[in-house]
Amino acid sequence: MIAEFTIIPIGVGESLSPFVAECLKIVRASGLRHELTATCTIIEGDFDAVMRVIGECHKKVRTMSPRVVTCVRIDDREGERNAIERKVRSVEEKSG
């Protein structure tokens, strides 16, 4: 499965990069396939591993902020592997 997640600390100012950096450390340590984008992080793995990483990221940001909003979008397709790369490649092939 692939999960796209965004963690938004509330009441901590405008810059979010310190929070994203802390989450990226957690994601990298997990060993899961991942991609950092300008607005979210995408991770791929089995349900339990993915949700554990997102939970750890949420908890870490919560230690840094009085309020946190976490948004998650899941794409869970049976038998899917290397979906992050495959999905991007499929669109690029079709777009010429």
C-alpha atoms as a PDB file:
ATOM      1  CA  MET A   1       0.000   0.000   0.000  1.00  0.00           C
ATOM      2  CA  ILE A   2       0.963   3.614  -0.463  1.00  0.00           C
ATOM      3  CA  ALA A   3       0.117   6.317   2.049  1.00  0.00           C
ATOM      4  CA  GLU A   4       0.469  10.024   1.545  1.00  0.00           C
ATOM      5  CA  PHE A   5       0.597  11.986   4.766  1.00  0.00           C
ATOM      6  CA  THR A   6       0.914  15.542   5.953  1.00  0.00           C
ATOM      7  CA  ILE A   7       1.430  16.578   9.551  1.00  0.00           C
ATOM      8  CA  ILE A   8       0.539  20.168  10.356  1.00  0.00           C
ATOM      9  CA  PRO A   9       1.694  21.694  13.638  1.00  0.00           C
ATOM     10  CA  ILE A  10      -0.587  24.488  14.822  1.00  0.00           C
ATOM     11  CA  GLY A  11       0.587  27.552  16.725  1.00  0.00           C
ATOM     12  CA  VAL A  12       4.299  27.276  15.994  1.00  0.00           C
ATOM     13  CA  GLY A  13       4.910  29.916  13.342  1.00  0.00           C
ATOM     14  CA  GLU A  14       5.262  29.847   9.602  1.00  0.00           C
ATOM     15  CA  SER A  15       8.249  27.570   8.916  1.00  0.00           C
ATOM     16  CA  LEU A  16       7.501  23.843   8.868  1.00  0.00           C
ATOM     17  CA  SER A  17      10.871  22.490   7.726  1.00  0.00           C
ATOM     18  CA  PRO A  18      12.111  21.602  11.241  1.00  0.00           C
ATOM     19  CA  PHE A  19       9.022  19.420  11.730  1.00  0.00           C
ATOM     20  CA  VAL A  20       9.336  17.818   8.301  1.00  0.00           C
ATOM     21  CA  ALA A  21      13.022  17.106   8.964  1.00  0.00           C
ATOM     22  CA  GLU A  22      12.184  15.251  12.178  1.00  0.00           C
ATOM     23  CA  CYS A  23       9.569  13.172  10.391  1.00  0.00           C
ATOM     24  CA  LEU A  24      11.960  12.423   7.541  1.00  0.00           C
ATOM     25  CA  LYS A  25      14.437  10.991  10.044  1.00  0.00           C
ATOM     26  CA  ILE A  26      11.720   8.609  11.274  1.00  0.00           C
ATOM     27  CA  VAL A  27      10.681   7.649   7.748  1.00  0.00           C
ATOM     28  CA  ARG A  28      14.275   6.983   6.652  1.00  0.00           C
ATOM     29  CA  ALA A  29      14.978   4.897   9.766  1.00  0.00           C
ATOM     30  CA  SER A  30      11.946   2.726   8.966  1.00  0.00           C
ATOM     31  CA  GLY A  31      13.540   1.443   5.786  1.00  0.00           C
ATOM     32  CA  LEU A  32      10.267   1.835   3.878  1.00  0.00           C
ATOM     33  CA  ARG A  33      10.253   3.148   0.323  1.00  0.00           C
ATOM     34  CA  HIS A  34       9.411   6.829   0.499  1.00  0.00           C
ATOM     35  CA  GLU A  35       9.317  10.077  -1.388  1.00  0.00           C
ATOM     36  CA  LEU A  36       9.411  13.559   0.096  1.00  0.00           C
ATOM     37  CA  THR A  37       7.462  16.134  -1.904  1.00  0.00           C
ATOM     38  CA  ALA A  38       6.946  19.844  -1.437  1.00  0.00           C
ATOM     39  CA  THR A  39       3.617  19.282   0.318  1.00  0.00           C
ATOM     40  CA  CYS A  40       3.602  15.737   1.712  1.00  0.00           C
ATOM     41  CA  THR A  41       5.511  12.533   2.286  1.00  0.00           C
ATOM     42  CA  ILE A  42       4.642   9.289   0.500  1.00  0.00           C
ATOM     43  CA  ILE A  43       5.564   5.919   1.998  1.00  0.00           C
ATOM     44  CA  GLU A  44       5.050   2.384   0.786  1.00  0.00           C
ATOM     45  CA  GLY A  45       4.848  -0.853   2.725  1.00  0.00           C
ATOM     46  CA  ASP A  46       2.447  -3.122   4.527  1.00  0.00           C
ATOM     47  CA  PHE A  47      -0.398  -1.531   6.462  1.00  0.00           C
ATOM     48  CA  ASP A  48       1.031  -2.012   9.951  1.00  0.00           C
ATOM     49  CA  ALA A  49       4.488  -0.688   9.070  1.00  0.00           C
ATOM     50  CA  VAL A  50       3.130   2.346   7.243  1.00  0.00           C
ATOM     51  CA  MET A  51       0.685   3.251  10.004  1.00  0.00           C
ATOM     52  CA  ARG A  52       3.377   2.770  12.657  1.00  0.00           C
ATOM     53  CA  VAL A  53       5.657   5.261  10.879  1.00  0.00           C
ATOM     54  CA  ILE A  54       2.877   7.806  10.454  1.00  0.00           C
ATOM     55  CA  GLY A  55       1.984   7.402  14.137  1.00  0.00           C
ATOM     56  CA  GLU A  56       5.597   7.916  15.197  1.00  0.00           C
ATOM     57  CA  CYS A  57       5.818  11.046  13.072  1.00  0.00           C
ATOM     58  CA  HIS A  58       2.588  12.407  14.543  1.00  0.00           C
ATOM     59  CA  LYS A  59       3.809  11.768  18.089  1.00  0.00           C
ATOM     60  CA  LYS A  60       7.175  13.402  17.395  1.00  0.00           C
ATOM     61  CA  VAL A  61       5.593  16.552  15.977  1.00  0.00           C
ATOM     62  CA  ARG A  62       3.149  16.607  18.905  1.00  0.00           C
ATOM     63  CA  THR A  63       6.136  16.856  21.281  1.00  0.00           C
ATOM     64  CA  MET A  64       7.175  19.975  19.353  1.00  0.00           C
ATOM     65  CA  SER A  65       3.775  21.658  19.032  1.00  0.00           C
ATOM     66  CA  PRO A  66       0.739  22.260  21.252  1.00  0.00           C
ATOM     67  CA  ARG A  67      -1.627  21.077  18.502  1.00  0.00           C
ATOM     68  CA  VAL A  68      -1.148  18.805  15.473  1.00  0.00           C
ATOM     69  CA  VAL A  69      -3.383  17.879  12.541  1.00  0.00           C
ATOM     70  CA  THR A  70      -2.395  14.762  10.582  1.00  0.00           C
ATOM     71  CA  CYS A  71      -3.966  13.975   7.203  1.00  0.00           C
ATOM     72  CA  VAL A  72      -3.525  10.548   5.594  1.00  0.00           C
ATOM     73  CA  ARG A  73      -4.588   9.250   2.181  1.00  0.00           C
ATOM     74  CA  ILE A  74      -4.179   5.513   1.541  1.00  0.00           C
ATOM     75  CA  ASP A  75      -4.054   3.672  -1.783  1.00  0.00           C
ATOM     76  CA  ASP A  76      -4.254  -0.036  -0.967  1.00  0.00           C
ATOM     77  CA  ARG A  77      -4.159  -2.315  -4.007  1.00  0.00           C
ATOM     78  CA  GLU A  78      -3.792  -6.069  -3.745  1.00  0.00           C
ATOM     79  CA  GLY A  79      -0.449  -7.406  -4.948  1.00  0.00           C
ATOM     80  CA  GLU A  80       0.990  -3.953  -5.592  1.00  0.00           C
ATOM     81  CA  ARG A  81       4.776  -3.531  -5.216  1.00  0.00           C
ATOM     82  CA  ASN A  82       7.031  -0.617  -6.121  1.00  0.00           C
ATOM     83  CA  ALA A  83       3.878   1.414  -6.613  1.00  0.00           C
ATOM     84  CA  ILE A  84       5.488   4.812  -6.072  1.00  0.00           C
ATOM     85  CA  GLU A  85       7.786   4.401  -9.062  1.00  0.00           C
ATOM     86  CA  ARG A  86       5.286   2.446 -11.162  1.00  0.00           C
ATOM     87  CA  LYS A  87       2.557   5.054 -10.859  1.00  0.00           C
ATOM     88  CA  VAL A  88       4.876   7.903 -11.829  1.00  0.00           C
ATOM     89  CA  ARG A  89       6.383   5.924 -14.721  1.00  0.00           C
ATOM     90  CA  SER A  90       2.902   5.031 -16.024  1.00  0.00           C
ATOM     91  CA  VAL A  91       1.856   8.671 -16.189  1.00  0.00           C
ATOM     92  CA  GLU A  92       5.156   9.756 -17.767  1.00  0.00           C
ATOM     93  CA  GLU A  93       4.842   7.065 -20.479  1.00  0.00           C
ATOM     94  CA  LYS A  94       1.342   8.212 -21.311  1.00  0.00           C
ATOM     95  CA  SER A  95       2.277  11.897 -21.402  1.00  0.00           C
ATOM     96  CA  GLY A  96       5.054  11.362 -23.955  1.00  0.00           C
END
